[in-house]
């Protein structure tokens, strides 16, 4: 059970890396979003907030929606979309 769960994270990460159109932009935006969440104290699955894989999925969604945008535009788009959820 624990082994299967640990493999799921790696499998999801690999799928996301294959799905995004611009890997460099994806990594930059994901790093910025994670830093923002840590700074705000809301980066933790244990405490009921979103964690690493969750943020990775959300950033991948934004990157796929706007494949030609640069990282600052993607970051603005990320916060615009998910502030309305």
PDB file of N, CA and C in Angstrom:
ATOM      1  N   UNK A   1       0.831  -1.198   0.000  1.00  0.00           N
ATOM      2  CA  UNK A   1       0.000   0.000   0.000  1.00  0.00           C
ATOM      3  C   UNK A   1       0.870   1.255   0.000  1.00  0.00           C
ATOM      4  N   UNK A   2       1.803   1.362   0.928  1.00  0.00           N
ATOM      5  CA  UNK A   2       2.659   2.551   0.993  1.00  0.00           C
ATOM      6  C   UNK A   2       3.557   2.646  -0.244  1.00  0.00           C
ATOM      7  N   UNK A   3       4.023   1.508  -0.739  1.00  0.00           N
ATOM      8  CA  UNK A   3       4.860   1.507  -1.935  1.00  0.00           C
ATOM      9  C   UNK A   3       4.117   1.980  -3.159  1.00  0.00           C
ATOM     10  N   UNK A   4       2.864   1.577  -3.277  1.00  0.00           N
ATOM     11  CA  UNK A   4       2.041   2.003  -4.414  1.00  0.00           C
ATOM     12  C   UNK A   4       1.798   3.502  -4.346  1.00  0.00           C
ATOM     13  N   UNK A   5       1.520   4.020  -3.155  1.00  0.00           N
ATOM     14  CA  UNK A   5       1.292   5.463  -3.002  1.00  0.00           C
ATOM     15  C   UNK A   5       2.531   6.256  -3.364  1.00  0.00           C
ATOM     16  N   UNK A   6       3.702   5.766  -2.978  1.00  0.00           N
ATOM     17  CA  UNK A   6       4.923   6.503  -3.286  1.00  0.00           C
ATOM     18  C   UNK A   6       5.198   6.496  -4.792  1.00  0.00           C
ATOM     19  N   UNK A   7       4.821   5.442  -5.486  1.00  0.00           N
ATOM     20  CA  UNK A   7       4.993   5.395  -6.939  1.00  0.00           C
ATOM     21  C   UNK A   7       4.014   6.307  -7.659  1.00  0.00           C
ATOM     22  N   UNK A   8       2.829   6.498  -7.086  1.00  0.00           N
ATOM     23  CA  UNK A   8       1.830   7.352  -7.724  1.00  0.00           C
ATOM     24  C   UNK A   8       2.335   8.780  -7.876  1.00  0.00           C
ATOM     25  N   UNK A   9       3.025   9.308  -6.869  1.00  0.00           N
ATOM     26  CA  UNK A   9       3.555  10.669  -6.956  1.00  0.00           C
ATOM     27  C   UNK A   9       4.552  10.814  -8.093  1.00  0.00           C
ATOM     28  N   UNK A  10       5.429   9.836  -8.223  1.00  0.00           N
ATOM     29  CA  UNK A  10       6.424   9.885  -9.307  1.00  0.00           C
ATOM     30  C   UNK A  10       5.756   9.748 -10.666  1.00  0.00           C
ATOM     31  N   UNK A  11       4.751   8.907 -10.739  1.00  0.00           N
ATOM     32  CA  UNK A  11       4.043   8.706 -12.003  1.00  0.00           C
ATOM     33  C   UNK A  11       3.297   9.974 -12.419  1.00  0.00           C
ATOM     34  N   UNK A  12       2.651  10.615 -11.476  1.00  0.00           N
ATOM     35  CA  UNK A  12       1.933  11.863 -11.764  1.00  0.00           C
ATOM     36  C   UNK A  12       2.920  12.942 -12.194  1.00  0.00           C
ATOM     37  N   UNK A  13       4.042  13.047 -11.493  1.00  0.00           N
ATOM     38  CA  UNK A  13       5.050  14.047 -11.851  1.00  0.00           C
ATOM     39  C   UNK A  13       5.558  13.844 -13.269  1.00  0.00           C
ATOM     40  N   UNK A  14       5.825  12.617 -13.637  1.00  0.00           N
ATOM     41  CA  UNK A  14       6.309  12.323 -14.978  1.00  0.00           C
ATOM     42  C   UNK A  14       5.259  12.664 -16.041  1.00  0.00           C
ATOM     43  N   UNK A  15       4.010  12.345 -15.754  1.00  0.00           N
ATOM     44  CA  UNK A  15       2.930  12.668 -16.694  1.00  0.00           C
ATOM     45  C   UNK A  15       2.824  14.171 -16.900  1.00  0.00           C
ATOM     46  N   UNK A  16       2.925  14.929 -15.810  1.00  0.00           N
ATOM     47  CA  UNK A  16       2.823  16.384 -15.914  1.00  0.00           C
ATOM     48  C   UNK A  16       3.958  16.958 -16.748  1.00  0.00           C
ATOM     49  N   UNK A  17       5.160  16.453 -16.534  1.00  0.00           N
ATOM     50  CA  UNK A  17       6.302  16.945 -17.301  1.00  0.00           C
ATOM     51  C   UNK A  17       6.140  16.670 -18.789  1.00  0.00           C
ATOM     52  N   UNK A  18       5.479  15.580 -19.122  1.00  0.00           N
ATOM     53  CA  UNK A  18       5.250  15.241 -20.529  1.00  0.00           C
ATOM     54  C   UNK A  18       4.103  16.049 -21.138  1.00  0.00           C
ATOM     55  N   UNK A  19       3.215  16.565 -20.312  1.00  0.00           N
ATOM     56  CA  UNK A  19       2.028  17.259 -20.801  1.00  0.00           C
ATOM     57  C   UNK A  19       2.243  18.740 -21.072  1.00  0.00           C
ATOM     58  N   UNK A  20       3.134  19.381 -20.323  1.00  0.00           N
ATOM     59  CA  UNK A  20       3.263  20.837 -20.453  1.00  0.00           C
ATOM     60  C   UNK A  20       4.023  21.198 -21.732  1.00  0.00           C
ATOM     61  N   UNK A  21       3.599  22.261 -22.403  1.00  0.00           N
ATOM     62  CA  UNK A  21       4.235  22.631 -23.673  1.00  0.00           C
ATOM     63  C   UNK A  21       5.617  23.247 -23.521  1.00  0.00           C
ATOM     64  N   UNK A  22       5.863  23.938 -22.410  1.00  0.00           N
ATOM     65  CA  UNK A  22       7.161  24.593 -22.203  1.00  0.00           C
ATOM     66  C   UNK A  22       7.643  24.243 -20.802  1.00  0.00           C
ATOM     67  N   UNK A  23       8.548  23.311 -20.724  1.00  0.00           N
ATOM     68  CA  UNK A  23       9.011  22.790 -19.441  1.00  0.00           C
ATOM     69  C   UNK A  23       9.706  23.858 -18.598  1.00  0.00           C
ATOM     70  N   UNK A  24      10.470  24.709 -19.222  1.00  0.00           N
ATOM     71  CA  UNK A  24      11.172  25.755 -18.483  1.00  0.00           C
ATOM     72  C   UNK A  24      10.190  26.722 -17.821  1.00  0.00           C
ATOM     73  N   UNK A  25       9.184  27.146 -18.559  1.00  0.00           N
ATOM     74  CA  UNK A  25       8.169  28.051 -17.995  1.00  0.00           C
ATOM     75  C   UNK A  25       7.403  27.363 -16.874  1.00  0.00           C
ATOM     76  N   UNK A  26       7.050  26.112 -17.085  1.00  0.00           N
ATOM     77  CA  UNK A  26       6.333  25.338 -16.061  1.00  0.00           C
ATOM     78  C   UNK A  26       7.122  25.300 -14.759  1.00  0.00           C
ATOM     79  N   UNK A  27       8.395  24.989 -14.852  1.00  0.00           N
ATOM     80  CA  UNK A  27       9.224  24.882 -13.647  1.00  0.00           C
ATOM     81  C   UNK A  27       9.356  26.231 -12.937  1.00  0.00           C
ATOM     82  N   UNK A  28       9.511  27.303 -13.691  1.00  0.00           N
ATOM     83  CA  UNK A  28       9.640  28.631 -13.082  1.00  0.00           C
ATOM     84  C   UNK A  28       8.356  29.035 -12.369  1.00  0.00           C
ATOM     85  N   UNK A  29       7.225  28.805 -13.021  1.00  0.00           N
ATOM     86  CA  UNK A  29       5.944  29.180 -12.413  1.00  0.00           C
ATOM     87  C   UNK A  29       5.665  28.310 -11.191  1.00  0.00           C
ATOM     88  N   UNK A  30       5.930  27.028 -11.292  1.00  0.00           N
ATOM     89  CA  UNK A  30       5.701  26.131 -10.155  1.00  0.00           C
ATOM     90  C   UNK A  30       6.574  26.544  -8.970  1.00  0.00           C
ATOM     91  N   UNK A  31       7.824  26.878  -9.225  1.00  0.00           N
ATOM     92  CA  UNK A  31       8.721  27.323  -8.149  1.00  0.00           C
ATOM     93  C   UNK A  31       8.168  28.588  -7.487  1.00  0.00           C
ATOM     94  N   UNK A  32       7.671  29.523  -8.282  1.00  0.00           N
ATOM     95  CA  UNK A  32       7.118  30.771  -7.739  1.00  0.00           C
ATOM     96  C   UNK A  32       5.856  30.508  -6.924  1.00  0.00           C
ATOM     97  N   UNK A  33       4.990  29.641  -7.415  1.00  0.00           N
ATOM     98  CA  UNK A  33       3.743  29.329  -6.700  1.00  0.00           C
ATOM     99  C   UNK A  33       4.054  28.637  -5.375  1.00  0.00           C
ATOM    100  N   UNK A  34       4.986  27.684  -5.393  1.00  0.00           N
ATOM    101  CA  UNK A  34       5.360  26.999  -4.148  1.00  0.00           C
ATOM    102  C   UNK A  34       5.956  27.979  -3.148  1.00  0.00           C
ATOM    103  N   UNK A  35       6.817  28.876  -3.617  1.00  0.00           N
ATOM    104  CA  UNK A  35       7.415  29.874  -2.724  1.00  0.00           C
ATOM    105  C   UNK A  35       6.342  30.770  -2.123  1.00  0.00           C
ATOM    106  N   UNK A  36       5.383  31.177  -2.931  1.00  0.00           N
ATOM    107  CA  UNK A  36       4.275  31.998  -2.450  1.00  0.00           C
ATOM    108  C   UNK A  36       3.492  31.250  -1.371  1.00  0.00           C
ATOM    109  N   UNK A  37       3.184  29.979  -1.625  1.00  0.00           N
ATOM    110  CA  UNK A  37       2.397  29.197  -0.670  1.00  0.00           C
ATOM    111  C   UNK A  37       3.146  28.986   0.647  1.00  0.00           C
ATOM    112  N   UNK A  38       4.446  28.725   0.568  1.00  0.00           N
ATOM    113  CA  UNK A  38       5.249  28.557   1.782  1.00  0.00           C
ATOM    114  C   UNK A  38       5.269  29.864   2.572  1.00  0.00           C
ATOM    115  N   UNK A  39       5.472  30.976   1.873  1.00  0.00           N
ATOM    116  CA  UNK A  39       5.515  32.289   2.525  1.00  0.00           C
ATOM    117  C   UNK A  39       4.199  32.596   3.230  1.00  0.00           C
ATOM    118  N   UNK A  40       3.096  32.223   2.605  1.00  0.00           N
ATOM    119  CA  UNK A  40       1.770  32.473   3.193  1.00  0.00           C
ATOM    120  C   UNK A  40       1.389  31.430   4.244  1.00  0.00           C
ATOM    121  N   UNK A  41       2.193  30.390   4.369  1.00  0.00           N
ATOM    122  CA  UNK A  41       1.906  29.352   5.362  1.00  0.00           C
ATOM    123  C   UNK A  41       0.783  28.417   4.955  1.00  0.00           C
ATOM    124  N   UNK A  42       0.573  28.261   3.657  1.00  0.00           N
ATOM    125  CA  UNK A  42      -0.528  27.413   3.180  1.00  0.00           C
ATOM    126  C   UNK A  42      -0.031  26.270   2.295  1.00  0.00           C
ATOM    127  N   UNK A  43       1.202  25.862   2.488  1.00  0.00           N
ATOM    128  CA  UNK A  43       1.782  24.782   1.684  1.00  0.00           C
ATOM    129  C   UNK A  43       1.920  23.557   2.574  1.00  0.00           C
ATOM    130  N   UNK A  44       0.856  22.738   2.641  1.00  0.00           N
ATOM    131  CA  UNK A  44       0.929  21.554   3.484  1.00  0.00           C
ATOM    132  C   UNK A  44      -0.309  20.689   3.315  1.00  0.00           C
ATOM    133  N   UNK A  45      -0.117  19.494   2.810  1.00  0.00           N
ATOM    134  CA  UNK A  45      -1.215  18.533   2.759  1.00  0.00           C
ATOM    135  C   UNK A  45      -1.651  18.134   4.158  1.00  0.00           C
ATOM    136  N   UNK A  46      -0.705  18.033   5.062  1.00  0.00           N
ATOM    137  CA  UNK A  46      -0.981  17.577   6.419  1.00  0.00           C
ATOM    138  C   UNK A  46      -1.965  18.508   7.128  1.00  0.00           C
ATOM    139  N   UNK A  47      -1.848  19.810   6.864  1.00  0.00           N
ATOM    140  CA  UNK A  47      -2.710  20.787   7.519  1.00  0.00           C
ATOM    141  C   UNK A  47      -3.994  21.064   6.735  1.00  0.00           C
ATOM    142  N   UNK A  48      -4.212  20.343   5.652  1.00  0.00           N
ATOM    143  CA  UNK A  48      -5.431  20.511   4.867  1.00  0.00           C
ATOM    144  C   UNK A  48      -5.315  21.472   3.705  1.00  0.00           C
ATOM    145  N   UNK A  49      -4.135  21.990   3.469  1.00  0.00           N
ATOM    146  CA  UNK A  49      -3.911  22.877   2.330  1.00  0.00           C
ATOM    147  C   UNK A  49      -3.409  22.064   1.142  1.00  0.00           C
ATOM    148  N   UNK A  50      -3.188  22.743   0.043  1.00  0.00           N
ATOM    149  CA  UNK A  50      -2.628  22.067  -1.127  1.00  0.00           C
ATOM    150  C   UNK A  50      -1.144  21.791  -0.907  1.00  0.00           C
ATOM    151  N   UNK A  51      -0.668  20.723  -1.518  1.00  0.00           N
ATOM    152  CA  UNK A  51       0.742  20.363  -1.425  1.00  0.00           C
ATOM    153  C   UNK A  51       1.399  20.387  -2.786  1.00  0.00           C
ATOM    154  N   UNK A  52       2.564  19.786  -2.879  1.00  0.00           N
ATOM    155  CA  UNK A  52       3.385  19.839  -4.081  1.00  0.00           C
ATOM    156  C   UNK A  52       2.721  19.324  -5.335  1.00  0.00           C
ATOM    157  N   UNK A  53       2.169  18.120  -5.281  1.00  0.00           N
ATOM    158  CA  UNK A  53       1.538  17.536  -6.472  1.00  0.00           C
ATOM    159  C   UNK A  53       0.303  18.338  -6.862  1.00  0.00           C
ATOM    160  N   UNK A  54      -0.431  18.812  -5.867  1.00  0.00           N
ATOM    161  CA  UNK A  54      -1.630  19.605  -6.152  1.00  0.00           C
ATOM    162  C   UNK A  54      -1.282  20.890  -6.906  1.00  0.00           C
ATOM    163  N   UNK A  55      -0.272  21.591  -6.409  1.00  0.00           N
ATOM    164  CA  UNK A  55       0.156  22.810  -7.100  1.00  0.00           C
ATOM    165  C   UNK A  55       0.721  22.490  -8.479  1.00  0.00           C
ATOM    166  N   UNK A  56       1.421  21.378  -8.604  1.00  0.00           N
ATOM    167  CA  UNK A  56       1.985  20.988  -9.899  1.00  0.00           C
ATOM    168  C   UNK A  56       0.877  20.764 -10.931  1.00  0.00           C
ATOM    169  N   UNK A  57      -0.202  20.139 -10.517  1.00  0.00           N
ATOM    170  CA  UNK A  57      -1.334  19.895 -11.418  1.00  0.00           C
ATOM    171  C   UNK A  57      -1.979  21.215 -11.835  1.00  0.00           C
ATOM    172  N   UNK A  58      -2.174  22.121 -10.883  1.00  0.00           N
ATOM    173  CA  UNK A  58      -2.792  23.411 -11.199  1.00  0.00           C
ATOM    174  C   UNK A  58      -1.920  24.238 -12.140  1.00  0.00           C
ATOM    175  N   UNK A  59      -0.629  24.250 -11.904  1.00  0.00           N
ATOM    176  CA  UNK A  59       0.283  24.992 -12.777  1.00  0.00           C
ATOM    177  C   UNK A  59       0.319  24.367 -14.167  1.00  0.00           C
ATOM    178  N   UNK A  60       0.305  23.037 -14.233  1.00  0.00           N
ATOM    179  CA  UNK A  60       0.287  22.364 -15.540  1.00  0.00           C
ATOM    180  C   UNK A  60      -0.977  22.742 -16.313  1.00  0.00           C
ATOM    181  N   UNK A  61      -2.095  22.845 -15.625  1.00  0.00           N
ATOM    182  CA  UNK A  61      -3.342  23.249 -16.273  1.00  0.00           C
ATOM    183  C   UNK A  61      -3.187  24.631 -16.910  1.00  0.00           C
ATOM    184  N   UNK A  62      -2.640  25.560 -16.145  1.00  0.00           N
ATOM    185  CA  UNK A  62      -2.464  26.926 -16.649  1.00  0.00           C
ATOM    186  C   UNK A  62      -1.501  26.925 -17.836  1.00  0.00           C
ATOM    187  N   UNK A  63      -0.428  26.160 -17.737  1.00  0.00           N
ATOM    188  CA  UNK A  63       0.544  26.104 -18.838  1.00  0.00           C
ATOM    189  C   UNK A  63      -0.083  25.535 -20.108  1.00  0.00           C
ATOM    190  N   UNK A  64      -0.969  24.590 -19.978  1.00  0.00           N
ATOM    191  CA  UNK A  64      -1.635  24.017 -21.153  1.00  0.00           C
ATOM    192  C   UNK A  64      -2.679  24.975 -21.727  1.00  0.00           C
ATOM    193  N   UNK A  65      -3.290  25.769 -20.872  1.00  0.00           N
ATOM    194  CA  UNK A  65      -4.294  26.734 -21.335  1.00  0.00           C
ATOM    195  C   UNK A  65      -3.657  27.881 -22.115  1.00  0.00           C
ATOM    196  N   UNK A  66      -2.465  28.269 -21.737  1.00  0.00           N
ATOM    197  CA  UNK A  66      -1.772  29.410 -22.359  1.00  0.00           C
ATOM    198  C   UNK A  66      -0.368  28.984 -22.768  1.00  0.00           C
ATOM    199  N   UNK A  67      -0.233  28.150 -23.772  1.00  0.00           N
ATOM    200  CA  UNK A  67       1.062  27.552 -24.104  1.00  0.00           C
ATOM    201  C   UNK A  67       2.131  28.526 -24.585  1.00  0.00           C
ATOM    202  N   UNK A  68       1.755  29.705 -25.054  1.00  0.00           N
ATOM    203  CA  UNK A  68       2.755  30.636 -25.576  1.00  0.00           C
ATOM    204  C   UNK A  68       3.119  31.737 -24.583  1.00  0.00           C
ATOM    205  N   UNK A  69       2.458  31.776 -23.429  1.00  0.00           N
ATOM    206  CA  UNK A  69       2.732  32.827 -22.445  1.00  0.00           C
ATOM    207  C   UNK A  69       4.080  32.612 -21.770  1.00  0.00           C
ATOM    208  N   UNK A  70       4.688  33.722 -21.368  1.00  0.00           N
ATOM    209  CA  UNK A  70       5.939  33.643 -20.611  1.00  0.00           C
ATOM    210  C   UNK A  70       5.602  33.439 -19.127  1.00  0.00           C
ATOM    211  N   UNK A  71       6.580  33.101 -18.282  1.00  0.00           N
ATOM    212  CA  UNK A  71       6.294  32.804 -16.874  1.00  0.00           C
ATOM    213  C   UNK A  71       5.538  33.895 -16.103  1.00  0.00           C
ATOM    214  N   UNK A  72       5.880  35.193 -16.253  1.00  0.00           N
ATOM    215  CA  UNK A  72       5.088  36.190 -15.521  1.00  0.00           C
ATOM    216  C   UNK A  72       3.602  36.195 -15.923  1.00  0.00           C
ATOM    217  N   UNK A  73       3.333  36.032 -17.199  1.00  0.00           N
ATOM    218  CA  UNK A  73       1.936  35.991 -17.654  1.00  0.00           C
ATOM    219  C   UNK A  73       1.243  34.737 -17.138  1.00  0.00           C
ATOM    220  N   UNK A  74       1.950  33.618 -17.137  1.00  0.00           N
ATOM    221  CA  UNK A  74       1.377  32.377 -16.607  1.00  0.00           C
ATOM    222  C   UNK A  74       1.062  32.513 -15.123  1.00  0.00           C
ATOM    223  N   UNK A  75       1.939  33.165 -14.394  1.00  0.00           N
ATOM    224  CA  UNK A  75       1.724  33.353 -12.960  1.00  0.00           C
ATOM    225  C   UNK A  75       0.499  34.238 -12.709  1.00  0.00           C
ATOM    226  N   UNK A  76       0.362  35.309 -13.481  1.00  0.00           N
ATOM    227  CA  UNK A  76      -0.835  36.155 -13.359  1.00  0.00           C
ATOM    228  C   UNK A  76      -2.091  35.355 -13.685  1.00  0.00           C
ATOM    229  N   UNK A  77      -2.017  34.568 -14.742  1.00  0.00           N
ATOM    230  CA  UNK A  77      -3.153  33.737 -15.145  1.00  0.00           C
ATOM    231  C   UNK A  77      -3.495  32.727 -14.048  1.00  0.00           C
ATOM    232  N   UNK A  78      -2.478  32.119 -13.454  1.00  0.00           N
ATOM    233  CA  UNK A  78      -2.680  31.161 -12.361  1.00  0.00           C
ATOM    234  C   UNK A  78      -3.500  31.789 -11.235  1.00  0.00           C
ATOM    235  N   UNK A  79      -3.067  32.953 -10.760  1.00  0.00           N
ATOM    236  CA  UNK A  79      -3.760  33.582  -9.641  1.00  0.00           C
ATOM    237  C   UNK A  79      -5.132  34.118 -10.042  1.00  0.00           C
ATOM    238  N   UNK A  80      -5.272  34.550 -11.282  1.00  0.00           N
ATOM    239  CA  UNK A  80      -6.581  35.021 -11.743  1.00  0.00           C
ATOM    240  C   UNK A  80      -7.579  33.864 -11.779  1.00  0.00           C
ATOM    241  N   UNK A  81      -7.172  32.731 -12.307  1.00  0.00           N
ATOM    242  CA  UNK A  81      -8.073  31.579 -12.404  1.00  0.00           C
ATOM    243  C   UNK A  81      -8.434  31.046 -11.026  1.00  0.00           C
ATOM    244  N   UNK A  82      -7.424  30.793 -10.214  1.00  0.00           N
ATOM    245  CA  UNK A  82      -7.682  30.078  -8.973  1.00  0.00           C
ATOM    246  C   UNK A  82      -8.115  30.979  -7.822  1.00  0.00           C
ATOM    247  N   UNK A  83      -8.084  32.291  -8.013  1.00  0.00           N
ATOM    248  CA  UNK A  83      -8.665  33.174  -7.004  1.00  0.00           C
ATOM    249  C   UNK A  83     -10.190  33.163  -7.102  1.00  0.00           C
ATOM    250  N   UNK A  84     -10.713  32.678  -8.219  1.00  0.00           N
ATOM    251  CA  UNK A  84     -12.155  32.655  -8.427  1.00  0.00           C
ATOM    252  C   UNK A  84     -12.780  31.293  -8.114  1.00  0.00           C
ATOM    253  N   UNK A  85     -11.970  30.345  -7.709  1.00  0.00           N
ATOM    254  CA  UNK A  85     -12.507  29.015  -7.396  1.00  0.00           C
ATOM    255  C   UNK A  85     -13.262  29.015  -6.110  1.00  0.00           C
TER     256      UNK A  85
END
